Structures are given as C-alpha cells and as structure tokens.
Amino acid sequence: MAQDKFPRKVGVVGYGRLGQSLVSHLLAQGSELGLELVFVWNRDPGRMAGSVPSSLQLRNLAALGERHPDLVVEVAHPQIIHEFGAQILRHANLLVGSPSALADQTTERQLLEASHLWNHAVFVARGALWGTEDITRLDAAGGLQSLRVTMATHPDGFRLQEPLASVHITGPRTVLYEGPVRGLCPFAPRNSNTMAAAALAAPSLGFDNVIGVLVADLSLTDMHVVDVELKGPPSPTGRSFTVHTHRENPAEPGAVTGSATVTAFWRSLLGCCQLSSRPGIHLC
C-alpha cells in the first residue's frame, strides 16, 4: 500500500541491468505502490529506444528538475555522483547505487553540504552487503574492532582501471588488491560497491580502516562470492566476538551485478521512499 496520498515521483539515472529492472518494476507496479516514474536518463539514449516511452526519456540530466522528482535513483557509474550528485540534491532525495563514489572525500563533503542546504537525504543502497544492520549496531555500540570484505568472481566480471586492469592473473585464484577500501574504489569503481557500503555501515572504521580484498577466481564463472569478516575488541579473557558470513550470489557470465543484488536494490528503493528527507547519508 502507498504511504502517502499522492504518488512519489521517481527518476532513474542509468539504464544498464539494474536500471532496466527498476524501470520495469516501476512501470508494472508503481501505481499500486504509490510511485510514479517521471524520467529515465542514460548516457547512451539509444539504449532506451523501444523499451522506455519517449515521454519518459530525459535527454539532458541537468534538466531533471523540470520533471519534479521526489527521488532520483543513480544506477549508472560513480562519475555521475561525482559530477551531478550535489545538483540532484537541489531537487530531490538521492539513492546512490555507486557508493564507491563516496570514497572520494571531496564528493562526500559536497553531498553532505548539498543535503543540508536543500534538506534532502542521501540514501545508499546496501547492494550485496549482508548483515548491514548488525554491522551498524555493533559499530555504534563500540564493539567493532576490524571489518574485512572479500569479493571474488571470474575476471570477466571485473571493470577495472589502471593499475589493476593490468595485473597479471597468475593462477586459478589471484588477489588483485588487499588494503583500505578507499584505495581500491578509484581503480575498481564498479566492483567495490559492497566494500564501500561496509565502510559506510561502520563509520568508526570508515573507508580508511575497512579492509577490502578483490580476488579473481577462474572457477567462479556464474557467481559472485562475498565474505564479510568482523571482529570485536578482546574481552577480559582475551577472546573476541567474531562473525564470518559467506554469500554466493548467482550471476550471468561476465556480469558486474549478481541476481540477488538486483532484487535487493528494488527493496532499497521501496524502503527509502518510506523514509523522511532527513539530511545526511543513510544506508537503505
């Protein structure tokens, strides 16, 4: 059931696999959920031909305010957040599908400033991160000492920038990067979003102290594997609270986004539509 008398107007930025799925859901179910799709933008407009009604195709992203959206959903590329994130917040709440963009401190600061200036919220989709609420609760209680996220998939599923793009695959399983998430995001902007979400879920550690590990595994032709390992401070006995989750997400060969992540993103969209426009950055 819709939460408000009037529909919430939603714009979608990006028309890859995630964007196509969200647009399809909004067109099919939006009216019964109190949601109205008001525009779709894609860097290559031709990709929308035949599937997005021409009246909904937005040619100039800078003109999005003319569609009066309540929420703009970014499922394109971190560069969109770098270039247009603050401008979007002038007109609407923003759901970020590329949280690796927030590893850039200038971008994060600009989003926070615009959020408070225009009284709009920045929501961040949790994507493939399992146990987000538990991580946040533990962190808020001072019980999180370390957090490590390992993402493994077939090399065809990576979209890497230099120098990672030139790393030689030396065997069936090759570690491409291991270190702070902030250092990984610029070189794997589309393959580090789960790690970025973890850094946002644990602000006491953040991008500089959450460890990300990116692994090329030749055996994982049809899935993405995400391992999350966390540890609390030692107790008086010397023992520490520990958790290790292992998530296998089916994915088409060469796909950047796994199947379960597509479903989770739709739930994030529905969730943030029911939340208030409280300024700041919030996981959803």
Protein backbone atom coordinates (compact mmCIF):
# COMPACT_ATOMS: atom_id res chain seq x y z
CA MET A 1 0.00 0.00 0.00
CA ALA A 2 1.13 3.52 -0.66
CA GLN A 3 2.23 5.51 2.36
CA ASP A 4 1.15 8.91 1.01
CA LYS A 5 -1.97 10.26 -0.67
CA PHE A 6 -0.02 11.39 -3.72
CA PRO A 7 2.49 9.31 -5.68
CA ARG A 8 6.17 9.74 -5.02
CA LYS A 9 7.84 10.76 -8.26
CA VAL A 10 10.94 8.74 -9.12
CA GLY A 11 13.64 9.37 -11.71
CA VAL A 12 16.16 6.71 -12.75
CA VAL A 13 19.69 7.59 -13.88
CA GLY A 14 21.30 4.71 -15.75
CA TYR A 15 19.76 2.03 -17.94
CA GLY A 16 22.04 -0.97 -17.57
CA ARG A 17 20.87 -4.18 -15.95
CA LEU A 18 19.88 -2.55 -12.67
CA GLY A 19 18.22 0.42 -14.34
CA GLN A 20 16.23 -1.79 -16.68
CA SER A 21 14.98 -3.89 -13.78
CA LEU A 22 13.96 -0.85 -11.71
CA VAL A 23 12.20 0.81 -14.65
CA SER A 24 10.33 -2.41 -15.39
CA HIS A 25 9.20 -2.69 -11.76
CA LEU A 26 8.13 0.95 -11.63
CA LEU A 27 6.14 0.75 -14.84
CA ALA A 28 4.45 -2.50 -13.81
CA GLN A 29 3.88 -1.93 -10.09
CA GLY A 30 4.47 1.76 -9.45
CA SER A 31 0.85 2.93 -9.41
CA GLU A 32 -0.25 0.36 -6.84
CA LEU A 33 2.73 1.25 -4.65
CA GLY A 34 2.17 4.99 -4.85
CA LEU A 35 5.20 5.53 -7.11
CA GLU A 36 5.34 7.33 -10.44
CA LEU A 37 8.26 7.05 -12.86
CA VAL A 38 8.90 10.56 -14.20
CA PHE A 39 12.12 10.11 -16.17
CA VAL A 40 14.88 7.76 -17.25
CA TRP A 41 18.28 9.05 -18.30
CA ASN A 42 21.11 7.09 -19.88
CA ARG A 43 24.43 8.27 -21.26
CA ASP A 44 23.57 6.43 -24.50
CA PRO A 45 19.93 7.38 -25.20
CA GLY A 46 19.71 4.77 -27.94
CA ARG A 47 19.71 2.04 -25.32
CA MET A 48 16.26 3.17 -24.18
CA ALA A 49 14.70 3.00 -27.64
CA GLY A 50 11.76 0.62 -27.83
CA SER A 51 11.61 -0.07 -24.10
CA VAL A 52 11.23 3.33 -22.39
CA PRO A 53 8.33 5.52 -23.52
CA SER A 54 9.69 8.60 -25.28
CA SER A 55 7.81 10.86 -22.85
CA LEU A 56 9.90 9.44 -20.01
CA GLN A 57 13.28 9.71 -21.72
CA LEU A 58 15.30 12.58 -20.28
CA ARG A 59 17.90 13.81 -22.76
CA ASN A 60 19.67 16.35 -20.56
CA LEU A 61 20.41 15.29 -16.98
CA ALA A 62 20.88 18.91 -15.95
CA ALA A 63 17.19 19.45 -16.73
CA LEU A 64 15.93 16.81 -14.29
CA GLY A 65 14.35 19.48 -12.08
CA GLU A 66 11.74 20.06 -14.78
CA ARG A 67 10.33 16.60 -14.00
CA HIS A 68 9.91 17.48 -10.28
CA PRO A 69 11.17 14.17 -8.85
CA ASP A 70 10.95 13.32 -5.16
CA LEU A 71 13.68 10.69 -5.50
CA VAL A 72 16.43 10.23 -8.07
CA VAL A 73 17.96 6.76 -8.26
CA GLU A 74 21.53 6.51 -9.59
CA VAL A 75 22.42 3.13 -11.10
CA ALA A 76 24.92 4.30 -13.70
CA HIS A 77 28.51 4.92 -12.61
CA PRO A 78 30.30 6.69 -9.73
CA GLN A 79 31.20 9.50 -12.12
CA ILE A 80 27.55 10.55 -12.15
CA ILE A 81 27.69 11.07 -8.38
CA HIS A 82 30.97 13.00 -8.69
CA GLU A 83 29.58 15.29 -11.39
CA PHE A 84 25.86 15.60 -10.63
CA GLY A 85 25.24 14.31 -7.09
CA ALA A 86 25.13 17.72 -5.42
CA GLN A 87 22.99 19.15 -8.23
CA ILE A 88 20.48 16.30 -7.93
CA LEU A 89 20.11 17.02 -4.20
CA ARG A 90 18.91 20.52 -5.02
CA HIS A 91 15.75 18.95 -6.44
CA ALA A 92 15.23 15.58 -4.72
CA ASN A 93 16.40 12.87 -2.40
CA LEU A 94 19.16 10.76 -3.93
CA LEU A 95 19.54 6.98 -3.81
CA VAL A 96 23.17 6.17 -4.61
CA GLY A 97 23.77 2.87 -6.37
CA SER A 98 27.50 3.51 -6.75
CA PRO A 99 28.69 4.10 -3.16
CA SER A 100 32.31 3.73 -4.25
CA ALA A 101 31.93 7.39 -5.29
CA LEU A 102 31.85 8.36 -1.61
CA ALA A 103 35.42 7.12 -1.15
CA ASP A 104 36.35 10.45 -2.71
CA GLN A 105 36.35 12.84 0.24
CA THR A 106 35.54 15.88 -1.89
CA THR A 107 32.46 14.16 -3.30
CA GLU A 108 31.32 13.04 0.15
CA ARG A 109 31.70 16.57 1.50
CA GLN A 110 29.80 18.09 -1.44
CA LEU A 111 26.93 15.64 -0.98
CA LEU A 112 26.69 16.35 2.74
CA GLU A 113 26.75 20.11 2.18
CA ALA A 114 24.07 19.93 -0.53
CA SER A 115 21.97 17.55 1.57
CA HIS A 116 21.84 20.01 4.46
CA LEU A 117 21.46 23.05 2.21
CA TRP A 118 18.45 21.71 0.32
CA ASN A 119 17.06 19.48 3.11
CA HIS A 120 17.24 16.31 1.04
CA ALA A 121 18.57 12.91 2.05
CA VAL A 122 21.37 10.83 0.54
CA PHE A 123 20.39 7.17 0.66
CA VAL A 124 22.96 4.49 -0.13
CA ALA A 125 21.83 1.08 -1.35
CA ARG A 126 23.41 -1.76 0.60
CA GLY A 127 23.55 -3.93 -2.52
CA ALA A 128 25.31 -7.24 -1.90
CA LEU A 129 26.36 -6.44 1.70
CA TRP A 130 24.89 -8.99 4.08
CA GLY A 131 24.24 -8.06 7.72
CA THR A 132 24.31 -4.29 7.28
CA GLU A 133 22.13 -3.52 10.30
CA ASP A 134 24.17 -5.82 12.54
CA ILE A 135 27.42 -4.16 11.50
CA THR A 136 25.97 -0.70 12.16
CA ARG A 137 24.60 -1.68 15.58
CA LEU A 138 27.87 -3.27 16.65
CA ASP A 139 29.84 -0.27 15.45
CA ALA A 140 27.54 2.19 17.29
CA ALA A 141 27.98 0.18 20.49
CA GLY A 142 31.77 0.34 20.23
CA GLY A 143 32.03 -3.38 19.62
CA LEU A 144 33.69 -3.37 16.21
CA GLN A 145 37.46 -3.57 16.01
CA SER A 146 38.01 -4.77 12.46
CA LEU A 147 35.98 -5.39 9.30
CA ARG A 148 37.19 -7.15 6.17
CA VAL A 149 35.21 -7.69 2.95
CA THR A 150 36.44 -10.07 0.25
CA MET A 151 34.78 -10.07 -3.15
CA ALA A 152 35.69 -12.84 -5.58
CA THR A 153 34.47 -13.55 -9.09
CA HIS A 154 35.69 -14.51 -12.54
CA PRO A 155 38.00 -11.90 -14.16
CA ASP A 156 35.35 -11.31 -16.87
CA GLY A 157 33.12 -9.82 -14.18
CA PHE A 158 35.57 -7.00 -13.39
CA ARG A 159 35.57 -3.49 -14.86
CA LEU A 160 38.93 -2.23 -13.62
CA GLN A 161 41.00 0.90 -14.07
CA GLU A 162 44.78 1.06 -14.16
CA PRO A 163 46.90 -0.17 -12.49
CA LEU A 164 44.58 -3.04 -11.52
CA ALA A 165 43.48 -3.58 -15.12
CA SER A 166 47.00 -4.74 -15.99
CA VAL A 167 47.50 -7.10 -13.06
CA HIS A 168 48.54 -10.50 -14.41
CA ILE A 169 46.31 -13.41 -13.41
CA THR A 170 48.88 -15.87 -12.11
CA GLY A 171 46.75 -18.88 -11.27
CA PRO A 172 43.25 -20.16 -10.55
CA ARG A 173 42.86 -17.60 -7.72
CA THR A 174 44.69 -14.26 -7.77
CA VAL A 175 44.41 -11.48 -5.19
CA LEU A 176 44.26 -8.24 -7.18
CA TYR A 177 44.08 -5.91 -4.18
CA GLU A 178 44.17 -6.11 -0.39
CA GLY A 179 44.09 -2.96 1.70
CA PRO A 180 41.91 0.00 2.74
CA VAL A 181 38.68 0.31 0.78
CA ARG A 182 39.42 3.95 -0.01
CA GLY A 183 42.47 2.87 -2.01
CA LEU A 184 40.51 0.32 -4.04
CA CYS A 185 37.44 2.33 -5.09
CA PRO A 186 39.13 4.56 -7.72
CA PHE A 187 40.60 1.53 -9.51
CA ALA A 188 37.57 -0.77 -9.25
CA PRO A 189 34.66 1.70 -9.13
CA ARG A 190 32.07 -0.85 -10.26
CA ASN A 191 33.42 -3.80 -8.29
CA SER A 192 33.93 -2.20 -4.87
CA ASN A 193 30.42 -1.01 -4.04
CA THR A 194 29.79 -3.75 -1.48
CA MET A 195 33.02 -2.78 0.29
CA ALA A 196 32.07 0.89 0.15
CA ALA A 197 28.70 0.08 1.72
CA ALA A 198 30.55 -1.71 4.52
CA ALA A 199 32.72 1.35 5.13
CA LEU A 200 29.58 3.48 5.43
CA ALA A 201 27.93 0.93 7.72
CA ALA A 202 30.90 1.13 10.10
CA PRO A 203 31.76 4.85 10.39
CA SER A 204 34.19 4.29 13.28
CA LEU A 205 36.39 2.43 10.78
CA GLY A 206 35.31 4.09 7.54
CA PHE A 207 36.96 3.88 4.15
CA ASP A 208 40.47 4.05 5.60
CA ASN A 209 40.17 1.16 8.05
CA VAL A 210 37.70 -1.26 6.50
CA ILE A 211 39.82 -3.71 4.51
CA GLY A 212 38.78 -4.70 1.02
CA VAL A 213 40.09 -7.73 -0.86
CA LEU A 214 39.40 -8.19 -4.57
CA VAL A 215 40.01 -11.68 -5.94
CA ALA A 216 39.98 -13.03 -9.49
CA ASP A 217 38.83 -16.65 -9.33
CA LEU A 218 38.72 -18.60 -12.59
CA SER A 219 36.31 -21.16 -11.11
CA LEU A 220 33.57 -18.61 -10.40
CA THR A 221 32.10 -18.39 -13.90
CA ASP A 222 28.50 -17.87 -12.77
CA MET A 223 28.60 -16.28 -9.34
CA HIS A 224 30.00 -13.54 -7.14
CA VAL A 225 31.24 -14.57 -3.69
CA VAL A 226 31.34 -12.05 -0.84
CA ASP A 227 32.92 -12.89 2.52
CA VAL A 228 32.46 -10.48 5.42
CA GLU A 229 34.66 -10.98 8.47
CA LEU A 230 34.37 -8.82 11.56
CA LYS A 231 35.90 -8.88 14.99
CA GLY A 232 35.20 -7.06 18.23
CA PRO A 233 37.73 -5.94 20.84
CA PRO A 234 39.16 -8.62 23.12
CA SER A 235 37.26 -9.39 26.31
CA PRO A 236 38.96 -9.66 29.72
CA THR A 237 39.57 -13.33 28.92
CA GLY A 238 41.33 -12.40 25.67
CA ARG A 239 38.60 -13.82 23.46
CA SER A 240 36.93 -11.65 20.79
CA PHE A 241 33.47 -11.67 19.27
CA THR A 242 33.79 -12.74 15.62
CA VAL A 243 31.44 -13.20 12.68
CA HIS A 244 32.14 -14.58 9.21
CA THR A 245 29.43 -14.61 6.54
CA HIS A 246 29.85 -16.24 3.14
CA ARG A 247 27.48 -15.15 0.36
CA GLU A 248 27.23 -16.79 -3.05
CA ASN A 249 25.30 -14.60 -5.49
CA PRO A 250 24.41 -16.19 -8.86
CA ALA A 251 25.45 -14.02 -11.79
CA GLU A 252 25.47 -14.32 -15.55
CA PRO A 253 28.95 -14.86 -17.01
CA GLY A 254 30.76 -11.53 -17.20
CA ALA A 255 28.06 -9.65 -15.28
CA VAL A 256 29.05 -6.92 -12.82
CA THR A 257 25.81 -7.24 -10.85
CA GLY A 258 24.61 -10.50 -9.30
CA SER A 259 20.98 -11.67 -9.42
CA ALA A 260 20.26 -11.22 -5.70
CA THR A 261 21.67 -7.69 -5.81
CA VAL A 262 19.05 -6.67 -8.37
CA THR A 263 16.29 -7.82 -6.00
CA ALA A 264 17.93 -6.14 -3.00
CA PHE A 265 18.13 -2.83 -4.86
CA TRP A 266 14.40 -2.81 -5.55
CA ARG A 267 13.80 -3.32 -1.83
CA SER A 268 16.17 -0.43 -1.10
CA LEU A 269 14.19 1.82 -3.44
CA LEU A 270 10.91 0.91 -1.75
CA GLY A 271 12.47 1.35 1.68
CA CYS A 272 13.87 4.82 1.15
CA CYS A 273 10.59 6.00 -0.39
CA GLN A 274 9.00 5.45 3.03
CA LEU A 275 11.66 7.39 4.92
CA SER A 276 11.76 11.10 5.65
CA SER A 277 14.04 13.52 3.82
CA ARG A 278 16.40 13.79 6.79
CA PRO A 279 19.68 15.40 5.68
CA GLY A 280 22.79 13.25 5.77
CA ILE A 281 23.92 9.90 4.38
CA HIS A 282 21.84 6.84 5.28
CA LEU A 283 22.15 3.20 4.27
CA CYS A 284 18.95 1.78 2.86
